[in-house]
């Protein structure tokens, strides 16, 4: 009986030593523009989609991104979203920004012609595991926005 108990105890100790819990992987986050709406005052509402590719929740505390259309400067987005995003998930943060005159002109022309625009985001995101220190990540994203039929002044 004692021998069985000793074997069982040794097996349980061995098994406990093998488990290290869930894997905690921190991956570089990403950002993209989900939607851009031109406001009546000329400003833009930018819906910034923040992507968390980590295996744990992350807190996004800062984004400083330059927006360019067709390789021409359009605006700078500098925000402090302070949002938590779950593991391997994404969320949207809306910021109101004032575009550069060149950016305003590029959007106006694209909307008037009913055509899309290539855009790029470059800059930094600051994010951290919910129980960790923030780290800055370099961001470089190239994509495109197109006018939304039936929604004047909106590109997705």
Foldseek 3Di string as FASTA:
>chain_A
DVVVVVVVVVVVVVVVVPDDDDDWFFDDKAKDFPKWFQDPVRKIKTWIKIFGQTQAKKFWAWDWKFKAWPPHTWFIDTDGQRDIDGHRGIDIDIDIGHIDPVNSVVLVVCLVVQFKIKMWIWDWIWMDGPPDDIDIDTYIDIDMWGDDPPRRRMTD
